[in-house]
PDB file of N, CA and C in Angstrom:
ATOM      1  N   MET A   1      -1.342  11.331  -2.304  1.00  0.00           N
ATOM      2  CA  MET A   1       0.057  11.346  -1.914  1.00  0.00           C
ATOM      3  C   MET A   1       0.613  12.722  -2.235  1.00  0.00           C
ATOM      4  N   THR A   2       1.244  13.353  -1.298  1.00  0.00           N
ATOM      5  CA  THR A   2       1.665  14.722  -1.496  1.00  0.00           C
ATOM      6  C   THR A   2       3.047  14.850  -2.101  1.00  0.00           C
ATOM      7  N   ARG A   3       3.956  13.977  -1.767  1.00  0.00           N
ATOM      8  CA  ARG A   3       5.304  14.054  -2.316  1.00  0.00           C
ATOM      9  C   ARG A   3       5.621  12.789  -3.087  1.00  0.00           C
ATOM     10  N   GLY A   4       6.397  12.947  -4.149  1.00  0.00           N
ATOM     11  CA  GLY A   4       6.862  11.775  -4.869  1.00  0.00           C
ATOM     12  C   GLY A   4       5.933  11.277  -5.951  1.00  0.00           C
ATOM     13  N   GLY A   5       4.838  11.929  -6.177  1.00  0.00           N
ATOM     14  CA  GLY A   5       3.943  11.518  -7.252  1.00  0.00           C
ATOM     15  C   GLY A   5       2.746  10.743  -6.766  1.00  0.00           C
ATOM     16  N   ASN A   6       1.998  10.273  -7.717  1.00  0.00           N
ATOM     17  CA  ASN A   6       0.760   9.569  -7.440  1.00  0.00           C
ATOM     18  C   ASN A   6       0.990   8.064  -7.558  1.00  0.00           C
ATOM     19  N   LEU A   7       0.630   7.324  -6.536  1.00  0.00           N
ATOM     20  CA  LEU A   7       0.825   5.876  -6.528  1.00  0.00           C
ATOM     21  C   LEU A   7       0.036   5.186  -7.628  1.00  0.00           C
ATOM     22  N   VAL A   8      -1.085   5.756  -8.009  1.00  0.00           N
ATOM     23  CA  VAL A   8      -1.936   5.160  -9.039  1.00  0.00           C
ATOM     24  C   VAL A   8      -1.231   5.184 -10.393  1.00  0.00           C
ATOM     25  N   ASP A   9      -0.361   6.174 -10.607  1.00  0.00           N
ATOM     26  CA  ASP A   9       0.314   6.307 -11.892  1.00  0.00           C
ATOM     27  C   ASP A   9       1.411   5.267 -12.109  1.00  0.00           C
ATOM     28  N   LEU A  10       1.859   4.622 -11.038  1.00  0.00           N
ATOM     29  CA  LEU A  10       2.874   3.577 -11.183  1.00  0.00           C
ATOM     30  C   LEU A  10       2.254   2.329 -11.802  1.00  0.00           C
ATOM     31  N   ASP A  11       3.071   1.586 -12.564  1.00  0.00           N
ATOM     32  CA  ASP A  11       2.550   0.318 -13.075  1.00  0.00           C
ATOM     33  C   ASP A  11       2.489  -0.677 -11.917  1.00  0.00           C
ATOM     34  N   ASP A  12       1.741  -1.743 -12.107  1.00  0.00           N
ATOM     35  CA  ASP A  12       1.481  -2.691 -11.027  1.00  0.00           C
ATOM     36  C   ASP A  12       2.752  -3.281 -10.437  1.00  0.00           C
ATOM     37  N   GLU A  13       3.721  -3.629 -11.273  1.00  0.00           N
ATOM     38  CA  GLU A  13       4.960  -4.235 -10.779  1.00  0.00           C
ATOM     39  C   GLU A  13       5.787  -3.235  -9.979  1.00  0.00           C
ATOM     40  N   ALA A  14       5.890  -2.006 -10.465  1.00  0.00           N
ATOM     41  CA  ALA A  14       6.644  -0.983  -9.736  1.00  0.00           C
ATOM     42  C   ALA A  14       5.995  -0.697  -8.383  1.00  0.00           C
ATOM     43  N   ARG A  15       4.677  -0.673  -8.369  1.00  0.00           N
ATOM     44  CA  ARG A  15       3.954  -0.435  -7.115  1.00  0.00           C
ATOM     45  C   ARG A  15       4.161  -1.604  -6.149  1.00  0.00           C
ATOM     46  N   HIS A  16       4.196  -2.818  -6.669  1.00  0.00           N
ATOM     47  CA  HIS A  16       4.428  -3.994  -5.835  1.00  0.00           C
ATOM     48  C   HIS A  16       5.840  -3.947  -5.231  1.00  0.00           C
ATOM     49  N   GLN A  17       6.820  -3.572  -6.039  1.00  0.00           N
ATOM     50  CA  GLN A  17       8.193  -3.462  -5.531  1.00  0.00           C
ATOM     51  C   GLN A  17       8.300  -2.365  -4.484  1.00  0.00           C
ATOM     52  N   LEU A  18       7.598  -1.254  -4.698  1.00  0.00           N
ATOM     53  CA  LEU A  18       7.573  -0.179  -3.709  1.00  0.00           C
ATOM     54  C   LEU A  18       6.955  -0.669  -2.405  1.00  0.00           C
ATOM     55  N   ARG A  19       5.926  -1.478  -2.525  1.00  0.00           N
ATOM     56  CA  ARG A  19       5.266  -2.036  -1.342  1.00  0.00           C
ATOM     57  C   ARG A  19       6.238  -2.903  -0.534  1.00  0.00           C
ATOM     58  N   ILE A  20       7.007  -3.733  -1.215  1.00  0.00           N
ATOM     59  CA  ILE A  20       7.991  -4.585  -0.542  1.00  0.00           C
ATOM     60  C   ILE A  20       9.064  -3.731   0.132  1.00  0.00           C
ATOM     61  N   THR A  21       9.547  -2.721  -0.567  1.00  0.00           N
ATOM     62  CA  THR A  21      10.580  -1.841  -0.014  1.00  0.00           C
ATOM     63  C   THR A  21      10.058  -1.075   1.195  1.00  0.00           C
ATOM     64  N   ALA A  22       8.831  -0.582   1.114  1.00  0.00           N
ATOM     65  CA  ALA A  22       8.230   0.158   2.236  1.00  0.00           C
ATOM     66  C   ALA A  22       8.079  -0.750   3.456  1.00  0.00           C
ATOM     67  N   LYS A  23       7.706  -1.980   3.216  1.00  0.00           N
ATOM     68  CA  LYS A  23       7.547  -2.941   4.313  1.00  0.00           C
ATOM     69  C   LYS A  23       8.889  -3.186   5.008  1.00  0.00           C
ATOM     70  N   LYS A  24       9.946  -3.384   4.223  1.00  0.00           N
ATOM     71  CA  LYS A  24      11.279  -3.603   4.785  1.00  0.00           C
ATOM     72  C   LYS A  24      11.757  -2.374   5.562  1.00  0.00           C
ATOM     73  N   LEU A  25      11.502  -1.195   5.011  1.00  0.00           N
ATOM     74  CA  LEU A  25      11.909   0.041   5.670  1.00  0.00           C
ATOM     75  C   LEU A  25      11.187   0.215   6.999  1.00  0.00           C
ATOM     76  N   ARG A  26       9.900  -0.052   7.015  1.00  0.00           N
ATOM     77  CA  ARG A  26       9.134   0.071   8.261  1.00  0.00           C
ATOM     78  C   ARG A  26       9.632  -0.925   9.305  1.00  0.00           C
ATOM     79  N   TYR A  27       9.834  -2.161   8.898  1.00  0.00           N
ATOM     80  CA  TYR A  27      10.316  -3.167   9.855  1.00  0.00           C
ATOM     81  C   TYR A  27      11.696  -2.802  10.395  1.00  0.00           C
ATOM     82  N   ALA A  28      12.569  -2.276   9.539  1.00  0.00           N
ATOM     83  CA  ALA A  28      13.890  -1.849   9.999  1.00  0.00           C
ATOM     84  C   ALA A  28      13.762  -0.698  10.998  1.00  0.00           C
ATOM     85  N   ALA A  29      12.894   0.244  10.694  1.00  0.00           N
ATOM     86  CA  ALA A  29      12.686   1.379  11.596  1.00  0.00           C
ATOM     87  C   ALA A  29      12.129   0.909  12.936  1.00  0.00           C
ATOM     88  N   GLU A  30      11.225  -0.059  12.905  1.00  0.00           N
ATOM     89  CA  GLU A  30      10.680  -0.593  14.155  1.00  0.00           C
ATOM     90  C   GLU A  30      11.762  -1.318  14.956  1.00  0.00           C
ATOM     91  N   PHE A  31      12.649  -2.019  14.269  1.00  0.00           N
ATOM     92  CA  PHE A  31      13.729  -2.738  14.933  1.00  0.00           C
ATOM     93  C   PHE A  31      14.641  -1.775  15.690  1.00  0.00           C
ATOM     94  N   PHE A  32      14.920  -0.624  15.073  1.00  0.00           N
ATOM     95  CA  PHE A  32      15.836   0.336  15.679  1.00  0.00           C
ATOM     96  C   PHE A  32      15.150   1.330  16.614  1.00  0.00           C
ATOM     97  N   SER A  33      13.881   1.152  16.877  1.00  0.00           N
ATOM     98  CA  SER A  33      13.148   2.096  17.732  1.00  0.00           C
ATOM     99  C   SER A  33      13.752   2.264  19.133  1.00  0.00           C
ATOM    100  N   PRO A  34      14.344   1.236  19.733  1.00  0.00           N
ATOM    101  CA  PRO A  34      14.937   1.446  21.059  1.00  0.00           C
ATOM    102  C   PRO A  34      16.082   2.461  21.071  1.00  0.00           C
ATOM    103  N   LEU A  35      16.622   2.785  19.905  1.00  0.00           N
ATOM    104  CA  LEU A  35      17.709   3.761  19.839  1.00  0.00           C
ATOM    105  C   LEU A  35      17.213   5.202  19.938  1.00  0.00           C
ATOM    106  N   CYS A  36      15.917   5.399  19.836  1.00  0.00           N
ATOM    107  CA  CYS A  36      15.338   6.739  19.966  1.00  0.00           C
ATOM    108  C   CYS A  36      15.299   7.091  21.442  1.00  0.00           C
ATOM    109  N   MET A  37      16.176   7.988  21.836  1.00  0.00           N
ATOM    110  CA  MET A  37      16.329   8.293  23.249  1.00  0.00           C
ATOM    111  C   MET A  37      15.443   9.441  23.731  1.00  0.00           C
ATOM    112  N   GLY A  38      15.458  10.523  23.011  1.00  0.00           N
ATOM    113  CA  GLY A  38      14.760  11.711  23.483  1.00  0.00           C
ATOM    114  C   GLY A  38      13.282  11.712  23.115  1.00  0.00           C
ATOM    115  N   LYS A  39      12.591  12.643  23.753  1.00  0.00           N
ATOM    116  CA  LYS A  39      11.154  12.789  23.505  1.00  0.00           C
ATOM    117  C   LYS A  39      10.887  13.164  22.047  1.00  0.00           C
ATOM    118  N   ALA A  40      11.674  14.095  21.513  1.00  0.00           N
ATOM    119  CA  ALA A  40      11.491  14.540  20.131  1.00  0.00           C
ATOM    120  C   ALA A  40      11.785  13.409  19.154  1.00  0.00           C
ATOM    121  N   GLU A  41      12.859  12.642  19.432  1.00  0.00           N
ATOM    122  CA  GLU A  41      13.198  11.513  18.553  1.00  0.00           C
ATOM    123  C   GLU A  41      12.095  10.457  18.564  1.00  0.00           C
ATOM    124  N   THR A  42      11.564  10.171  19.733  1.00  0.00           N
ATOM    125  CA  THR A  42      10.499   9.182  19.854  1.00  0.00           C
ATOM    126  C   THR A  42       9.257   9.630  19.106  1.00  0.00           C
ATOM    127  N   LYS A  43       8.928  10.911  19.232  1.00  0.00           N
ATOM    128  CA  LYS A  43       7.752  11.451  18.544  1.00  0.00           C
ATOM    129  C   LYS A  43       7.936  11.400  17.026  1.00  0.00           C
ATOM    130  N   ARG A  44       9.125  11.778  16.563  1.00  0.00           N
ATOM    131  CA  ARG A  44       9.418  11.760  15.128  1.00  0.00           C
ATOM    132  C   ARG A  44       9.384  10.318  14.597  1.00  0.00           C
ATOM    133  N   HIS A  45       9.926   9.407  15.373  1.00  0.00           N
ATOM    134  CA  HIS A  45       9.924   7.994  14.981  1.00  0.00           C
ATOM    135  C   HIS A  45       8.490   7.465  14.870  1.00  0.00           C
ATOM    136  N   LYS A  46       7.661   7.808  15.831  1.00  0.00           N
ATOM    137  CA  LYS A  46       6.267   7.357  15.812  1.00  0.00           C
ATOM    138  C   LYS A  46       5.531   7.914  14.590  1.00  0.00           C
ATOM    139  N   ARG A  47       5.781   9.187  14.262  1.00  0.00           N
ATOM    140  CA  ARG A  47       5.162   9.792  13.071  1.00  0.00           C
ATOM    141  C   ARG A  47       5.610   9.062  11.804  1.00  0.00           C
ATOM    142  N   PHE A  48       6.882   8.699  11.749  1.00  0.00           N
ATOM    143  CA  PHE A  48       7.407   7.980  10.589  1.00  0.00           C
ATOM    144  C   PHE A  48       6.739   6.616  10.455  1.00  0.00           C
ATOM    145  N   ILE A  49       6.655   5.888  11.556  1.00  0.00           N
ATOM    146  CA  ILE A  49       6.034   4.565  11.531  1.00  0.00           C
ATOM    147  C   ILE A  49       4.573   4.680  11.105  1.00  0.00           C
ATOM    148  N   THR A  50       3.869   5.661  11.624  1.00  0.00           N
ATOM    149  CA  THR A  50       2.467   5.874  11.262  1.00  0.00           C
ATOM    150  C   THR A  50       2.333   6.183   9.774  1.00  0.00           C
ATOM    151  N   ALA A  51       3.231   7.016   9.253  1.00  0.00           N
ATOM    152  CA  ALA A  51       3.209   7.348   7.821  1.00  0.00           C
ATOM    153  C   ALA A  51       3.495   6.111   6.978  1.00  0.00           C
ATOM    154  N   MET A  52       4.432   5.297   7.414  1.00  0.00           N
ATOM    155  CA  MET A  52       4.760   4.080   6.668  1.00  0.00           C
ATOM    156  C   MET A  52       3.599   3.090   6.692  1.00  0.00           C
ATOM    157  N   GLU A  53       2.907   3.005   7.814  1.00  0.00           N
ATOM    158  CA  GLU A  53       1.731   2.132   7.890  1.00  0.00           C
ATOM    159  C   GLU A  53       0.658   2.596   6.911  1.00  0.00           C
ATOM    160  N   GLY A  54       0.458   3.916   6.834  1.00  0.00           N
ATOM    161  CA  GLY A  54      -0.517   4.468   5.891  1.00  0.00           C
ATOM    162  C   GLY A  54      -0.129   4.185   4.450  1.00  0.00           C
ATOM    163  N   LEU A  55       1.153   4.340   4.147  1.00  0.00           N
ATOM    164  CA  LEU A  55       1.635   4.052   2.797  1.00  0.00           C
ATOM    165  C   LEU A  55       1.431   2.582   2.464  1.00  0.00           C
ATOM    166  N   GLN A  56       1.760   1.703   3.413  1.00  0.00           N
ATOM    167  CA  GLN A  56       1.564   0.276   3.184  1.00  0.00           C
ATOM    168  C   GLN A  56       0.093  -0.064   2.964  1.00  0.00           C
ATOM    169  N   ASP A  57      -0.785   0.568   3.710  1.00  0.00           N
ATOM    170  CA  ASP A  57      -2.220   0.331   3.537  1.00  0.00           C
ATOM    171  C   ASP A  57      -2.674   0.736   2.134  1.00  0.00           C
ATOM    172  N   GLN A  58      -2.226   1.920   1.692  1.00  0.00           N
ATOM    173  CA  GLN A  58      -2.595   2.379   0.349  1.00  0.00           C
ATOM    174  C   GLN A  58      -2.057   1.445  -0.723  1.00  0.00           C
ATOM    175  N   LEU A  59      -0.792   1.070  -0.580  1.00  0.00           N
ATOM    176  CA  LEU A  59      -0.187   0.173  -1.558  1.00  0.00           C
ATOM    177  C   LEU A  59      -0.877  -1.190  -1.560  1.00  0.00           C
ATOM    178  N   GLY A  60      -1.256  -1.664  -0.392  1.00  0.00           N
ATOM    179  CA  GLY A  60      -1.977  -2.935  -0.295  1.00  0.00           C
ATOM    180  C   GLY A  60      -3.330  -2.874  -0.975  1.00  0.00           C
ATOM    181  N   SER A  61      -4.044  -1.789  -0.763  1.00  0.00           N
ATOM    182  CA  SER A  61      -5.355  -1.631  -1.405  1.00  0.00           C
ATOM    183  C   SER A  61      -5.226  -1.559  -2.920  1.00  0.00           C
ATOM    184  N   LEU A  62      -4.220  -0.827  -3.391  1.00  0.00           N
ATOM    185  CA  LEU A  62      -4.003  -0.745  -4.833  1.00  0.00           C
ATOM    186  C   LEU A  62      -3.577  -2.098  -5.405  1.00  0.00           C
ATOM    187  N   ASN A  63      -2.799  -2.850  -4.640  1.00  0.00           N
ATOM    188  CA  ASN A  63      -2.406  -4.185  -5.087  1.00  0.00           C
ATOM    189  C   ASN A  63      -3.627  -5.099  -5.166  1.00  0.00           C
ATOM    190  N   ASP A  64      -4.511  -4.984  -4.197  1.00  0.00           N
ATOM    191  CA  ASP A  64      -5.748  -5.778  -4.230  1.00  0.00           C
ATOM    192  C   ASP A  64      -6.558  -5.463  -5.485  1.00  0.00           C
ATOM    193  N   LEU A  65      -6.651  -4.180  -5.827  1.00  0.00           N
ATOM    194  CA  LEU A  65      -7.391  -3.786  -7.030  1.00  0.00           C
ATOM    195  C   LEU A  65      -6.726  -4.332  -8.293  1.00  0.00           C
ATOM    196  N   ALA A  66      -5.388  -4.362  -8.281  1.00  0.00           N
ATOM    197  CA  ALA A  66      -4.657  -4.831  -9.458  1.00  0.00           C
ATOM    198  C   ALA A  66      -4.756  -6.347  -9.634  1.00  0.00           C
ATOM    199  N   THR A  67      -4.813  -7.067  -8.541  1.00  0.00           N
ATOM    200  CA  THR A  67      -4.804  -8.532  -8.619  1.00  0.00           C
ATOM    201  C   THR A  67      -6.202  -9.154  -8.611  1.00  0.00           C
ATOM    202  N   ALA A  68      -7.200  -8.398  -8.236  1.00  0.00           N
ATOM    203  CA  ALA A  68      -8.560  -8.933  -8.123  1.00  0.00           C
ATOM    204  C   ALA A  68      -9.110  -9.504  -9.429  1.00  0.00           C
ATOM    205  N   PRO A  69      -8.963  -8.825 -10.566  1.00  0.00           N
ATOM    206  CA  PRO A  69      -9.518  -9.398 -11.797  1.00  0.00           C
ATOM    207  C   PRO A  69      -8.937 -10.784 -12.112  1.00  0.00           C
ATOM    208  N   ASP A  70      -7.638 -10.938 -11.925  1.00  0.00           N
ATOM    209  CA  ASP A  70      -7.005 -12.231 -12.182  1.00  0.00           C
ATOM    210  C   ASP A  70      -7.501 -13.280 -11.185  1.00  0.00           C
ATOM    211  N   MET A  71      -7.653 -12.876  -9.938  1.00  0.00           N
ATOM    212  CA  MET A  71      -8.139 -13.799  -8.914  1.00  0.00           C
ATOM    213  C   MET A  71      -9.576 -14.231  -9.218  1.00  0.00           C
ATOM    214  N   LEU A  72     -10.423 -13.294  -9.617  1.00  0.00           N
ATOM    215  CA  LEU A  72     -11.801 -13.634  -9.979  1.00  0.00           C
ATOM    216  C   LEU A  72     -11.827 -14.608 -11.154  1.00  0.00           C
ATOM    217  N   SER A  73     -10.941 -14.374 -12.106  1.00  0.00           N
ATOM    218  CA  SER A  73     -10.865 -15.251 -13.272  1.00  0.00           C
ATOM    219  C   SER A  73     -10.417 -16.654 -12.869  1.00  0.00           C
ATOM    220  N   LYS A  74      -9.393 -16.744 -12.044  1.00  0.00           N
ATOM    221  CA  LYS A  74      -8.888 -18.051 -11.608  1.00  0.00           C
ATOM    222  C   LYS A  74      -9.934 -18.824 -10.809  1.00  0.00           C
ATOM    223  N   LEU A  75     -10.781 -18.110 -10.113  1.00  0.00           N
ATOM    224  CA  LEU A  75     -11.833 -18.747  -9.325  1.00  0.00           C
ATOM    225  C   LEU A  75     -13.117 -18.936 -10.131  1.00  0.00           C
ATOM    226  N   ALA A  76     -13.036 -18.608 -11.414  1.00  0.00           N
ATOM    227  CA  ALA A  76     -14.182 -18.718 -12.321  1.00  0.00           C
ATOM    228  C   ALA A  76     -15.376 -17.901 -11.822  1.00  0.00           C
ATOM    229  N   LEU A  77     -15.078 -16.716 -11.305  1.00  0.00           N
ATOM    230  CA  LEU A  77     -16.136 -15.842 -10.799  1.00  0.00           C
ATOM    231  C   LEU A  77     -16.307 -14.576 -11.642  1.00  0.00           C
ATOM    232  N   SER A  78     -15.543 -14.457 -12.713  1.00  0.00           N
ATOM    233  CA  SER A  78     -15.601 -13.248 -13.536  1.00  0.00           C
ATOM    234  C   SER A  78     -16.986 -12.995 -14.108  1.00  0.00           C
ATOM    235  N   GLY A  79     -17.696 -14.060 -14.432  1.00  0.00           N
ATOM    236  CA  GLY A  79     -19.012 -13.912 -15.043  1.00  0.00           C
ATOM    237  C   GLY A  79     -20.145 -13.740 -14.061  1.00  0.00           C
ATOM    238  N   VAL A  80     -19.862 -13.804 -12.783  1.00  0.00           N
ATOM    239  CA  VAL A  80     -20.903 -13.660 -11.762  1.00  0.00           C
ATOM    240  C   VAL A  80     -21.400 -12.211 -11.762  1.00  0.00           C
ATOM    241  N   PRO A  81     -22.712 -12.012 -11.800  1.00  0.00           N
ATOM    242  CA  PRO A  81     -23.225 -10.640 -11.780  1.00  0.00           C
ATOM    243  C   PRO A  81     -22.671  -9.838 -10.599  1.00  0.00           C
ATOM    244  N   GLY A  82     -22.179  -8.652 -10.910  1.00  0.00           N
ATOM    245  CA  GLY A  82     -21.636  -7.772  -9.879  1.00  0.00           C
ATOM    246  C   GLY A  82     -20.151  -7.946  -9.632  1.00  0.00           C
ATOM    247  N   ALA A  83     -19.522  -8.977 -10.207  1.00  0.00           N
ATOM    248  CA  ALA A  83     -18.099  -9.219  -9.977  1.00  0.00           C
ATOM    249  C   ALA A  83     -17.258  -8.052 -10.484  1.00  0.00           C
ATOM    250  N   GLY A  84     -17.636  -7.501 -11.610  1.00  0.00           N
ATOM    251  CA  GLY A  84     -16.904  -6.361 -12.162  1.00  0.00           C
ATOM    252  C   GLY A  84     -16.982  -5.126 -11.296  1.00  0.00           C
ATOM    253  N   ASP A  85     -18.047  -5.021 -10.531  1.00  0.00           N
ATOM    254  CA  ASP A  85     -18.216  -3.869  -9.647  1.00  0.00           C
ATOM    255  C   ASP A  85     -17.239  -3.883  -8.481  1.00  0.00           C
ATOM    256  N   LEU A  86     -16.662  -5.046  -8.209  1.00  0.00           N
ATOM    257  CA  LEU A  86     -15.725  -5.154  -7.089  1.00  0.00           C
ATOM    258  C   LEU A  86     -14.444  -4.373  -7.333  1.00  0.00           C
ATOM    259  N   VAL A  87     -14.066  -4.248  -8.574  1.00  0.00           N
ATOM    260  CA  VAL A  87     -12.784  -3.607  -8.908  1.00  0.00           C
ATOM    261  C   VAL A  87     -12.943  -2.628 -10.061  1.00  0.00           C
ATOM    262  N   SER A  88     -13.743  -1.641  -9.871  1.00  0.00           N
ATOM    263  CA  SER A  88     -13.951  -0.661 -10.929  1.00  0.00           C
ATOM    264  C   SER A  88     -12.804   0.342 -10.964  1.00  0.00           C
ATOM    265  N   ALA A  89     -12.658   1.005 -12.089  1.00  0.00           N
ATOM    266  CA  ALA A  89     -11.626   2.031 -12.235  1.00  0.00           C
ATOM    267  C   ALA A  89     -11.830   3.162 -11.238  1.00  0.00           C
ATOM    268  N   ALA A  90     -13.066   3.382 -10.831  1.00  0.00           N
ATOM    269  CA  ALA A  90     -13.349   4.449  -9.865  1.00  0.00           C
ATOM    270  C   ALA A  90     -12.683   4.169  -8.525  1.00  0.00           C
ATOM    271  N   ASP A  91     -12.465   2.886  -8.214  1.00  0.00           N
ATOM    272  CA  ASP A  91     -11.816   2.548  -6.952  1.00  0.00           C
ATOM    273  C   ASP A  91     -10.404   3.117  -6.884  1.00  0.00           C
ATOM    274  N   LYS A  92      -9.674   3.079  -7.996  1.00  0.00           N
ATOM    275  CA  LYS A  92      -8.323   3.622  -8.037  1.00  0.00           C
ATOM    276  C   LYS A  92      -8.336   5.138  -7.852  1.00  0.00           C
ATOM    277  N   ALA A  93      -9.412   5.765  -8.273  1.00  0.00           N
ATOM    278  CA  ALA A  93      -9.507   7.225  -8.170  1.00  0.00           C
ATOM    279  C   ALA A  93      -9.514   7.688  -6.713  1.00  0.00           C
ATOM    280  N   ARG A  94      -9.854   6.795  -5.791  1.00  0.00           N
ATOM    281  CA  ARG A  94      -9.860   7.166  -4.374  1.00  0.00           C
ATOM    282  C   ARG A  94      -8.461   7.488  -3.871  1.00  0.00           C
ATOM    283  N   PHE A  95      -7.462   6.955  -4.544  1.00  0.00           N
ATOM    284  CA  PHE A  95      -6.092   7.127  -4.093  1.00  0.00           C
ATOM    285  C   PHE A  95      -5.490   8.270  -4.809  1.00  0.00           C
TER     286      PHE A  95
END
């Protein structure tokens, strides 16, 4: 992430709230897309939507990493060989 800091540095709850806010912002922007009249406005709007989709994807992946250990535990799969490899700390480093 180039502006605003690193998503990995946020705690899980703050990242989850950011994910909800980003989703609402994207949906609102999509709702108002018919108001983009000119070619430049349409292009800028499309770039914004694409950026928001990318942000949502990153936040979703980080949320999956944060919730996976609890989900594995609830499903009684924590002790299964290789289960820990599904959500290693190295996975967060990708972001």
